[in-house]
């Protein structure tokens, strides 16, 4: 799939209200688990941290695809001028 259609699809996915809700809910759940863990419960904090990092990586992949599409679109505009 070409960079521009991929970027458009990624943008559509990231702006879908159900996806936004899912990201926000998952982030809140793991932040709450992290914040509310007992001092001796390092496993809970490590798991929460890992899940939050995974969520960031997942979001980051979509953001990267969107950025790549923007750059490709700008390159094509310059070539047409």
N, C-alpha and C. Protein backbone atom coordinates (compact mmCIF):
# COMPACT_ATOMS: atom_id res chain seq x y z
N UNK A 1 0.85 -1.17 0.00
CA UNK A 1 0.00 0.00 0.00
C UNK A 1 0.90 1.24 0.00
N UNK A 2 0.52 2.21 -0.78
CA UNK A 2 1.28 3.45 -0.91
C UNK A 2 1.22 4.27 0.39
N UNK A 3 2.22 5.11 0.60
CA UNK A 3 2.33 5.89 1.85
C UNK A 3 1.13 6.81 2.09
N UNK A 4 0.63 7.45 1.05
CA UNK A 4 -0.46 8.41 1.24
C UNK A 4 -1.76 7.71 1.63
N UNK A 5 -2.19 6.66 0.92
CA UNK A 5 -3.39 5.95 1.37
C UNK A 5 -3.24 5.34 2.76
N UNK A 6 -2.04 4.85 3.07
CA UNK A 6 -1.80 4.31 4.42
C UNK A 6 -1.97 5.40 5.47
N UNK A 7 -1.46 6.59 5.18
CA UNK A 7 -1.58 7.71 6.12
C UNK A 7 -3.03 8.10 6.31
N UNK A 8 -3.79 8.13 5.23
CA UNK A 8 -5.21 8.47 5.32
C UNK A 8 -5.96 7.43 6.14
N UNK A 9 -5.62 6.18 5.93
CA UNK A 9 -6.27 5.11 6.70
C UNK A 9 -5.88 5.20 8.18
N UNK A 10 -4.61 5.45 8.44
CA UNK A 10 -4.14 5.58 9.83
C UNK A 10 -4.82 6.77 10.51
N UNK A 11 -4.96 7.87 9.79
CA UNK A 11 -5.63 9.05 10.34
C UNK A 11 -7.09 8.74 10.66
N UNK A 12 -7.74 8.03 9.77
CA UNK A 12 -9.15 7.65 9.99
C UNK A 12 -9.28 6.75 11.22
N UNK A 13 -8.38 5.81 11.34
CA UNK A 13 -8.41 4.90 12.50
C UNK A 13 -8.18 5.68 13.79
N UNK A 14 -7.17 6.54 13.79
CA UNK A 14 -6.82 7.28 15.00
C UNK A 14 -7.89 8.30 15.39
N UNK A 15 -8.68 8.74 14.45
CA UNK A 15 -9.72 9.72 14.77
C UNK A 15 -11.08 9.06 15.03
N UNK A 16 -11.15 7.75 14.83
CA UNK A 16 -12.39 7.03 15.12
C UNK A 16 -12.68 7.13 16.62
N UNK A 17 -13.88 7.54 16.97
CA UNK A 17 -14.19 7.77 18.39
C UNK A 17 -14.07 6.52 19.24
N UNK A 18 -14.35 5.36 18.69
CA UNK A 18 -14.22 4.13 19.45
C UNK A 18 -12.74 3.81 19.73
N UNK A 19 -11.88 4.07 18.76
CA UNK A 19 -10.45 3.85 18.95
C UNK A 19 -9.89 4.85 19.96
N UNK A 20 -10.29 6.11 19.84
CA UNK A 20 -9.85 7.13 20.80
C UNK A 20 -10.29 6.74 22.21
N UNK A 21 -11.53 6.30 22.33
CA UNK A 21 -12.04 5.87 23.64
C UNK A 21 -11.24 4.68 24.18
N UNK A 22 -10.93 3.73 23.32
CA UNK A 22 -10.17 2.55 23.74
C UNK A 22 -8.78 2.96 24.22
N UNK A 23 -8.07 3.79 23.45
CA UNK A 23 -6.75 4.25 23.86
C UNK A 23 -6.82 4.96 25.22
N UNK A 24 -7.78 5.88 25.35
CA UNK A 24 -7.90 6.64 26.59
C UNK A 24 -8.24 5.74 27.77
N UNK A 25 -9.14 4.79 27.56
CA UNK A 25 -9.54 3.88 28.64
C UNK A 25 -8.38 3.00 29.07
N UNK A 26 -7.68 2.42 28.10
CA UNK A 26 -6.55 1.56 28.43
C UNK A 26 -5.47 2.35 29.17
N UNK A 27 -5.18 3.54 28.69
CA UNK A 27 -4.18 4.37 29.36
C UNK A 27 -4.60 4.68 30.79
N UNK A 28 -5.85 5.06 30.98
CA UNK A 28 -6.34 5.38 32.32
C UNK A 28 -6.26 4.17 33.25
N UNK A 29 -6.66 3.01 32.76
CA UNK A 29 -6.64 1.79 33.58
C UNK A 29 -5.23 1.51 34.10
N UNK A 30 -4.24 1.55 33.19
CA UNK A 30 -2.88 1.21 33.61
C UNK A 30 -2.21 2.31 34.41
N UNK A 31 -2.56 3.56 34.15
CA UNK A 31 -2.04 4.64 35.00
C UNK A 31 -2.61 4.51 36.42
N UNK A 32 -3.90 4.21 36.51
CA UNK A 32 -4.52 4.01 37.83
C UNK A 32 -3.89 2.83 38.56
N UNK A 33 -3.67 1.73 37.85
CA UNK A 33 -3.03 0.56 38.48
C UNK A 33 -1.63 0.92 38.97
N UNK A 34 -0.91 1.68 38.17
CA UNK A 34 0.44 2.09 38.55
C UNK A 34 0.39 2.98 39.80
N UNK A 35 -0.45 4.01 39.75
CA UNK A 35 -0.55 4.97 40.86
C UNK A 35 -1.04 4.33 42.15
N UNK A 36 -1.95 3.38 42.03
CA UNK A 36 -2.59 2.79 43.20
C UNK A 36 -1.91 1.51 43.69
N UNK A 37 -0.78 1.18 43.10
CA UNK A 37 -0.09 -0.04 43.53
C UNK A 37 0.54 0.17 44.91
N UNK A 38 0.63 -0.90 45.63
CA UNK A 38 1.29 -0.87 46.94
C UNK A 38 2.80 -0.73 46.72
N UNK A 39 3.49 -0.11 47.66
CA UNK A 39 4.93 0.08 47.50
C UNK A 39 5.70 -1.22 47.20
N UNK A 40 5.26 -2.32 47.78
CA UNK A 40 5.97 -3.59 47.56
C UNK A 40 5.52 -4.32 46.30
N UNK A 41 4.53 -3.79 45.60
CA UNK A 41 3.99 -4.48 44.43
C UNK A 41 4.70 -4.03 43.15
N UNK A 42 5.96 -4.35 43.06
CA UNK A 42 6.74 -3.94 41.89
C UNK A 42 6.25 -4.63 40.61
N UNK A 43 5.76 -5.84 40.74
CA UNK A 43 5.28 -6.56 39.56
C UNK A 43 4.10 -5.82 38.91
N UNK A 44 3.19 -5.31 39.73
CA UNK A 44 2.04 -4.56 39.19
C UNK A 44 2.51 -3.31 38.47
N UNK A 45 3.46 -2.60 39.07
CA UNK A 45 3.98 -1.39 38.43
C UNK A 45 4.73 -1.70 37.14
N UNK A 46 5.53 -2.77 37.16
CA UNK A 46 6.26 -3.14 35.95
C UNK A 46 5.32 -3.56 34.83
N UNK A 47 4.28 -4.29 35.18
CA UNK A 47 3.28 -4.69 34.18
C UNK A 47 2.56 -3.47 33.62
N UNK A 48 2.16 -2.57 34.51
CA UNK A 48 1.47 -1.35 34.08
C UNK A 48 2.38 -0.51 33.18
N UNK A 49 3.63 -0.39 33.58
CA UNK A 49 4.59 0.37 32.79
C UNK A 49 4.75 -0.26 31.40
N UNK A 50 4.89 -1.57 31.36
CA UNK A 50 5.06 -2.27 30.08
C UNK A 50 3.83 -2.07 29.19
N UNK A 51 2.66 -2.13 29.78
CA UNK A 51 1.44 -1.94 28.99
C UNK A 51 1.32 -0.51 28.48
N UNK A 52 1.69 0.46 29.30
CA UNK A 52 1.66 1.85 28.86
C UNK A 52 2.67 2.09 27.74
N UNK A 53 3.84 1.48 27.84
CA UNK A 53 4.85 1.61 26.78
C UNK A 53 4.34 0.96 25.49
N UNK A 54 3.70 -0.19 25.61
CA UNK A 54 3.16 -0.87 24.42
C UNK A 54 2.09 0.01 23.76
N UNK A 55 1.26 0.64 24.56
CA UNK A 55 0.25 1.54 24.03
C UNK A 55 0.90 2.72 23.31
N UNK A 56 1.96 3.27 23.89
CA UNK A 56 2.70 4.36 23.25
C UNK A 56 3.30 3.91 21.92
N UNK A 57 3.86 2.72 21.89
CA UNK A 57 4.45 2.19 20.66
C UNK A 57 3.38 2.01 19.59
N UNK A 58 2.22 1.51 20.00
CA UNK A 58 1.12 1.29 19.08
C UNK A 58 0.66 2.62 18.49
N UNK A 59 0.44 3.61 19.35
CA UNK A 59 0.06 4.95 18.88
C UNK A 59 1.15 5.53 18.00
N UNK A 60 2.39 5.35 18.45
CA UNK A 60 3.52 5.91 17.72
C UNK A 60 3.64 5.37 16.31
N UNK A 61 3.28 4.10 16.14
CA UNK A 61 3.33 3.53 14.79
C UNK A 61 2.34 4.25 13.87
N UNK A 62 1.14 4.47 14.35
CA UNK A 62 0.14 5.19 13.56
C UNK A 62 0.62 6.61 13.26
N UNK A 63 1.19 7.29 14.27
CA UNK A 63 1.69 8.65 14.06
C UNK A 63 2.81 8.67 13.03
N UNK A 64 3.65 7.67 13.03
CA UNK A 64 4.73 7.57 12.06
C UNK A 64 4.18 7.39 10.64
N UNK A 65 3.19 6.55 10.51
CA UNK A 65 2.56 6.33 9.20
C UNK A 65 1.93 7.62 8.69
N UNK A 66 1.26 8.35 9.59
CA UNK A 66 0.63 9.62 9.21
C UNK A 66 1.69 10.64 8.79
N UNK A 67 2.77 10.73 9.54
CA UNK A 67 3.85 11.67 9.21
C UNK A 67 4.51 11.32 7.88
N UNK A 68 4.75 10.04 7.66
CA UNK A 68 5.33 9.61 6.39
C UNK A 68 4.43 9.99 5.22
N UNK A 69 3.13 9.82 5.38
CA UNK A 69 2.18 10.21 4.33
C UNK A 69 2.20 11.70 4.06
N UNK A 70 2.28 12.50 5.13
CA UNK A 70 2.36 13.96 4.97
C UNK A 70 3.61 14.35 4.19
N UNK A 71 4.73 13.75 4.57
CA UNK A 71 5.99 14.06 3.88
C UNK A 71 5.93 13.66 2.41
N UNK A 72 5.36 12.51 2.13
CA UNK A 72 5.22 12.04 0.75
C UNK A 72 4.35 13.00 -0.06
N UNK A 73 3.24 13.44 0.56
CA UNK A 73 2.34 14.38 -0.12
C UNK A 73 3.07 15.69 -0.43
N UNK A 74 3.86 16.19 0.52
CA UNK A 74 4.64 17.42 0.30
C UNK A 74 5.66 17.24 -0.81
N UNK A 75 6.32 16.08 -0.85
CA UNK A 75 7.29 15.80 -1.92
C UNK A 75 6.60 15.82 -3.28
N UNK A 76 5.43 15.21 -3.35
CA UNK A 76 4.70 15.17 -4.61
C UNK A 76 4.25 16.55 -5.05
N UNK A 77 3.85 17.40 -4.10
CA UNK A 77 3.46 18.76 -4.43
C UNK A 77 4.64 19.54 -5.00
N UNK A 78 5.82 19.36 -4.40
CA UNK A 78 7.02 20.07 -4.89
C UNK A 78 7.40 19.62 -6.30
N UNK A 79 7.18 18.35 -6.59
CA UNK A 79 7.51 17.83 -7.91
C UNK A 79 6.56 18.36 -8.98
N UNK A 80 5.35 18.67 -8.59
CA UNK A 80 4.33 19.16 -9.54
C UNK A 80 4.51 20.64 -9.83
N UNK A 81 5.20 21.35 -8.95
CA UNK A 81 5.34 22.81 -9.13
C UNK A 81 6.39 23.13 -10.16
